[in-house]
Amino acid sequence: MDQFWNVTSQLLEGFGENCMLFGVTILVAIPLGLIISMGSMSKFFPLKAVTRTFVWIIRGTPLMLQLFTVFYVPPLLFDISFADRMTAAIIAFVINYAAYFSEIFRGGIEGIPKGQYEAGYVLGMKKSQVFFKVVLMQVIKRILPPMSNEIITLVKDTSLARVISVIEILRVAENFSKKGIIWPLFYTGAFFLIFCGALTILFRFLEKKLDYYKV
């Protein structure tokens, strides 16, 4: 029993790193993704082309490769090294998920019929009023399912940070397996299942709250 609690405490400490990576990525990638989506929908062609090329590259390459690139390329080319490996992981995750979120935002905004905007203008609303009072909640309802899927995927993807030696939960479990204790490796699944389960309940609650808004 003492071994179980010792393992649990160390895994919890490692999972704290996963949670920090998850939280910072969400806080930064969502607004950054919205900004990128504005660029990809811009009528200024050079901005639109650059933004969509960036999104294509990020979505078309593995997150693991992006982690290696962020961590190893700056020191090799510019003699810039990261104070800690978590910073490199956060940068890579933010860039990756901002690209994915931007496409979800773009799809949600472009999916709203133009008639919704025109109806607002006919009623004498300004462009900003139409967006916030008529369009915004419909966009949120439309993007919530794919956003929830990406966010839950992000929870599991945080384990990839171990490839640049971030001491997250799977890295801690691997250290136990090197000592001949294999069960902590499978025990880590419980942490991810509980976290993802809580997020699933939260998103289902939000979807029910938004049932009023038809899309």
Protein backbone atom coordinates (compact mmCIF):
# COMPACT_ATOMS: atom_id res chain seq x y z
CA MET A 1 0.00 0.00 0.00
CA ASP A 2 2.86 2.38 0.77
CA GLN A 3 4.24 1.73 -2.71
CA PHE A 4 0.83 2.53 -4.26
CA TRP A 5 0.59 5.92 -2.54
CA ASN A 6 4.21 6.71 -3.36
CA VAL A 7 3.61 5.93 -7.03
CA THR A 8 0.33 7.89 -7.03
CA SER A 9 1.94 10.99 -5.53
CA GLN A 10 4.74 10.95 -8.08
CA LEU A 11 2.33 10.38 -10.96
CA LEU A 12 0.17 13.25 -9.71
CA GLU A 13 3.22 15.48 -9.70
CA GLY A 14 3.96 14.45 -13.27
CA PHE A 15 0.34 14.93 -14.29
CA GLY A 16 0.58 18.47 -12.92
CA GLU A 17 3.02 19.16 -15.78
CA ASN A 18 0.48 17.76 -18.26
CA CYS A 19 -2.22 19.98 -16.78
CA MET A 20 -0.01 23.06 -16.94
CA LEU A 21 0.85 22.38 -20.59
CA PHE A 22 -2.84 21.83 -21.32
CA GLY A 23 -3.98 24.99 -19.53
CA VAL A 24 -1.43 27.36 -21.05
CA THR A 25 -2.01 25.91 -24.54
CA ILE A 26 -5.76 26.49 -24.25
CA LEU A 27 -5.38 30.04 -22.91
CA VAL A 28 -2.99 31.10 -25.68
CA ALA A 29 -3.97 28.91 -28.65
CA ILE A 30 -7.69 29.80 -28.68
CA PRO A 31 -7.27 33.59 -29.08
CA LEU A 32 -4.28 33.06 -31.39
CA GLY A 33 -6.35 30.64 -33.47
CA LEU A 34 -9.08 33.27 -33.80
CA ILE A 35 -6.53 35.82 -35.02
CA ILE A 36 -5.14 33.32 -37.54
CA SER A 37 -8.66 32.54 -38.77
CA MET A 38 -9.20 36.25 -39.43
CA GLY A 39 -6.03 36.22 -41.54
CA SER A 40 -7.15 33.15 -43.47
CA MET A 41 -10.47 34.85 -44.28
CA SER A 42 -8.86 38.19 -45.15
CA LYS A 43 -9.62 39.81 -48.50
CA PHE A 44 -5.96 40.90 -48.63
CA PHE A 45 -4.56 38.04 -50.71
CA PRO A 46 -0.89 38.06 -49.49
CA LEU A 47 -2.03 37.82 -45.85
CA LYS A 48 -4.56 35.13 -46.73
CA ALA A 49 -1.95 33.12 -48.69
CA VAL A 50 0.68 33.32 -45.94
CA THR A 51 -1.81 32.39 -43.22
CA ARG A 52 -3.24 29.43 -45.10
CA THR A 53 0.24 28.17 -46.02
CA PHE A 54 1.24 28.34 -42.36
CA VAL A 55 -1.87 26.39 -41.32
CA TRP A 56 -1.27 23.83 -44.07
CA ILE A 57 2.32 23.23 -42.92
CA ILE A 58 1.41 22.93 -39.23
CA ARG A 59 -1.57 20.64 -39.85
CA GLY A 60 0.41 18.55 -42.34
CA THR A 61 3.36 17.74 -40.09
CA PRO A 62 3.45 15.67 -36.87
CA LEU A 63 3.31 17.44 -33.53
CA MET A 64 6.32 15.39 -32.43
CA LEU A 65 8.38 16.82 -35.32
CA GLN A 66 7.27 20.33 -34.32
CA LEU A 67 8.42 19.67 -30.75
CA PHE A 68 11.85 18.63 -31.99
CA THR A 69 12.00 21.65 -34.31
CA VAL A 70 11.13 24.18 -31.61
CA PHE A 71 13.50 22.61 -29.10
CA TYR A 72 16.54 21.90 -31.29
CA VAL A 73 16.50 24.40 -34.18
CA PRO A 74 16.84 27.75 -32.29
CA PRO A 75 19.99 26.61 -30.40
CA LEU A 76 21.57 25.23 -33.59
CA LEU A 77 20.79 28.16 -35.91
CA PHE A 78 20.53 31.18 -33.62
CA ASP A 79 22.39 30.06 -30.49
CA ILE A 80 19.18 30.57 -28.49
CA SER A 81 18.41 27.91 -25.89
CA PHE A 82 15.34 27.53 -23.70
CA ALA A 83 15.65 28.01 -19.96
CA ASP A 84 13.49 24.96 -19.47
CA ARG A 85 12.05 22.26 -21.70
CA MET A 86 8.46 23.04 -20.75
CA THR A 87 8.77 26.44 -22.48
CA ALA A 88 9.70 24.74 -25.75
CA ALA A 89 6.80 22.29 -25.34
CA ILE A 90 4.33 25.14 -24.72
CA ILE A 91 5.49 27.03 -27.83
CA ALA A 92 5.17 23.93 -30.02
CA PHE A 93 1.74 23.03 -28.63
CA VAL A 94 0.41 26.59 -28.95
CA ILE A 95 1.51 26.83 -32.59
CA ASN A 96 0.06 23.42 -33.43
CA TYR A 97 -3.31 23.85 -31.74
CA ALA A 98 -3.73 27.47 -32.84
CA ALA A 99 -3.57 26.22 -36.43
CA TYR A 100 -6.23 23.58 -35.79
CA PHE A 101 -8.46 25.95 -33.83
CA SER A 102 -8.19 28.56 -36.59
CA GLU A 103 -9.74 26.16 -39.10
CA ILE A 104 -12.56 25.35 -36.69
CA PHE A 105 -13.23 29.08 -36.18
CA ARG A 106 -13.09 29.72 -39.92
CA GLY A 107 -15.53 26.91 -40.65
CA GLY A 108 -17.91 28.13 -37.95
CA ILE A 109 -17.90 31.75 -39.09
CA GLU A 110 -18.13 30.99 -42.82
CA GLY A 111 -20.90 28.48 -42.15
CA ILE A 112 -23.34 31.13 -40.96
CA PRO A 113 -25.73 32.03 -43.83
CA LYS A 114 -25.30 35.55 -45.23
CA GLY A 115 -29.00 36.06 -44.70
CA GLN A 116 -28.35 36.26 -40.96
CA TYR A 117 -26.14 39.30 -41.49
CA GLU A 118 -28.50 40.90 -44.00
CA ALA A 119 -31.46 40.50 -41.64
CA GLY A 120 -29.53 42.31 -38.93
CA TYR A 121 -28.62 45.16 -41.27
CA VAL A 122 -32.27 45.49 -42.33
CA LEU A 123 -33.19 45.92 -38.66
CA GLY A 124 -30.75 48.81 -38.44
CA MET A 125 -27.99 47.00 -36.53
CA LYS A 126 -24.34 47.90 -36.95
CA LYS A 127 -21.85 45.29 -38.13
CA SER A 128 -20.55 44.72 -34.58
CA GLN A 129 -24.09 44.40 -33.21
CA VAL A 130 -24.99 41.82 -35.84
CA PHE A 131 -21.92 39.77 -34.97
CA PHE A 132 -22.36 39.83 -31.18
CA LYS A 133 -26.17 39.69 -30.97
CA VAL A 134 -27.06 37.50 -33.96
CA VAL A 135 -24.05 35.53 -35.18
CA LEU A 136 -21.74 34.87 -32.22
CA MET A 137 -23.83 32.35 -30.27
CA GLN A 138 -24.63 30.46 -33.47
CA VAL A 139 -20.91 30.26 -34.23
CA ILE A 140 -20.16 29.01 -30.71
CA LYS A 141 -22.84 26.32 -31.01
CA ARG A 142 -21.52 25.29 -34.42
CA ILE A 143 -17.86 25.02 -33.33
CA LEU A 144 -18.40 23.51 -29.87
CA PRO A 145 -18.38 19.80 -30.95
CA PRO A 146 -15.15 20.02 -33.02
CA MET A 147 -13.53 22.26 -30.39
CA SER A 148 -14.39 19.80 -27.63
CA ASN A 149 -12.87 16.99 -29.70
CA GLU A 150 -9.62 18.95 -30.22
CA ILE A 151 -9.43 19.94 -26.56
CA ILE A 152 -9.85 16.34 -25.40
CA THR A 153 -7.20 15.29 -27.93
CA LEU A 154 -4.93 17.96 -26.46
CA VAL A 155 -5.20 16.33 -23.02
CA LYS A 156 -3.77 13.10 -24.42
CA ASP A 157 -1.24 14.83 -26.68
CA THR A 158 0.43 16.46 -23.67
CA SER A 159 2.13 13.11 -23.10
CA LEU A 160 4.19 13.79 -26.26
CA ALA A 161 6.18 16.37 -24.30
CA ARG A 162 8.20 13.46 -22.94
CA VAL A 163 10.10 13.26 -26.27
CA ILE A 164 12.01 16.41 -25.27
CA SER A 165 12.39 15.10 -21.70
CA VAL A 166 9.61 17.06 -19.99
CA ILE A 167 8.93 15.12 -16.78
CA GLU A 168 5.22 14.55 -17.36
CA ILE A 169 3.18 11.60 -16.13
CA LEU A 170 4.26 9.03 -18.73
CA ARG A 171 7.90 9.96 -18.22
CA VAL A 172 7.46 9.34 -14.49
CA ALA A 173 5.78 5.99 -15.19
CA GLU A 174 8.61 5.01 -17.53
CA ASN A 175 11.12 5.70 -14.77
CA PHE A 176 9.24 3.19 -12.60
CA SER A 177 9.22 0.61 -15.41
CA LYS A 178 13.02 0.89 -15.64
CA LYS A 179 13.07 -0.24 -12.01
CA GLY A 180 10.96 -3.29 -12.87
CA ILE A 181 7.62 -1.82 -11.71
CA ILE A 182 5.37 -1.95 -14.78
CA TRP A 183 1.86 -1.30 -13.40
CA PRO A 184 2.28 2.51 -13.03
CA LEU A 185 2.52 2.72 -16.83
CA PHE A 186 -1.05 1.41 -17.13
CA TYR A 187 -2.19 3.32 -14.06
CA THR A 188 -1.53 6.58 -15.93
CA GLY A 189 -4.58 5.77 -18.07
CA ALA A 190 -6.84 6.43 -15.08
CA PHE A 191 -5.58 10.02 -14.83
CA PHE A 192 -6.31 10.72 -18.50
CA LEU A 193 -9.68 8.95 -18.37
CA ILE A 194 -10.85 11.00 -15.37
CA PHE A 195 -9.70 14.30 -16.90
CA CYS A 196 -11.22 13.54 -20.31
CA GLY A 197 -14.41 12.29 -18.65
CA ALA A 198 -14.80 15.56 -16.74
CA LEU A 199 -14.28 17.56 -19.94
CA THR A 200 -16.82 15.40 -21.79
CA ILE A 201 -19.45 16.10 -19.10
CA LEU A 202 -18.66 19.83 -19.24
CA PHE A 203 -18.99 20.02 -23.03
CA ARG A 204 -22.25 18.05 -23.02
CA PHE A 205 -23.61 20.51 -20.46
CA LEU A 206 -22.57 23.46 -22.65
CA GLU A 207 -24.11 21.87 -25.75
CA LYS A 208 -27.45 21.48 -23.93
CA LYS A 209 -27.27 25.10 -22.80
CA LEU A 210 -26.84 26.16 -26.42
CA ASP A 211 -29.73 24.04 -27.74
CA TYR A 212 -31.79 27.23 -27.90
CA TYR A 213 -29.64 28.56 -30.75
CA LYS A 214 -30.49 26.94 -34.07
CA VAL A 215 -27.84 26.48 -36.75
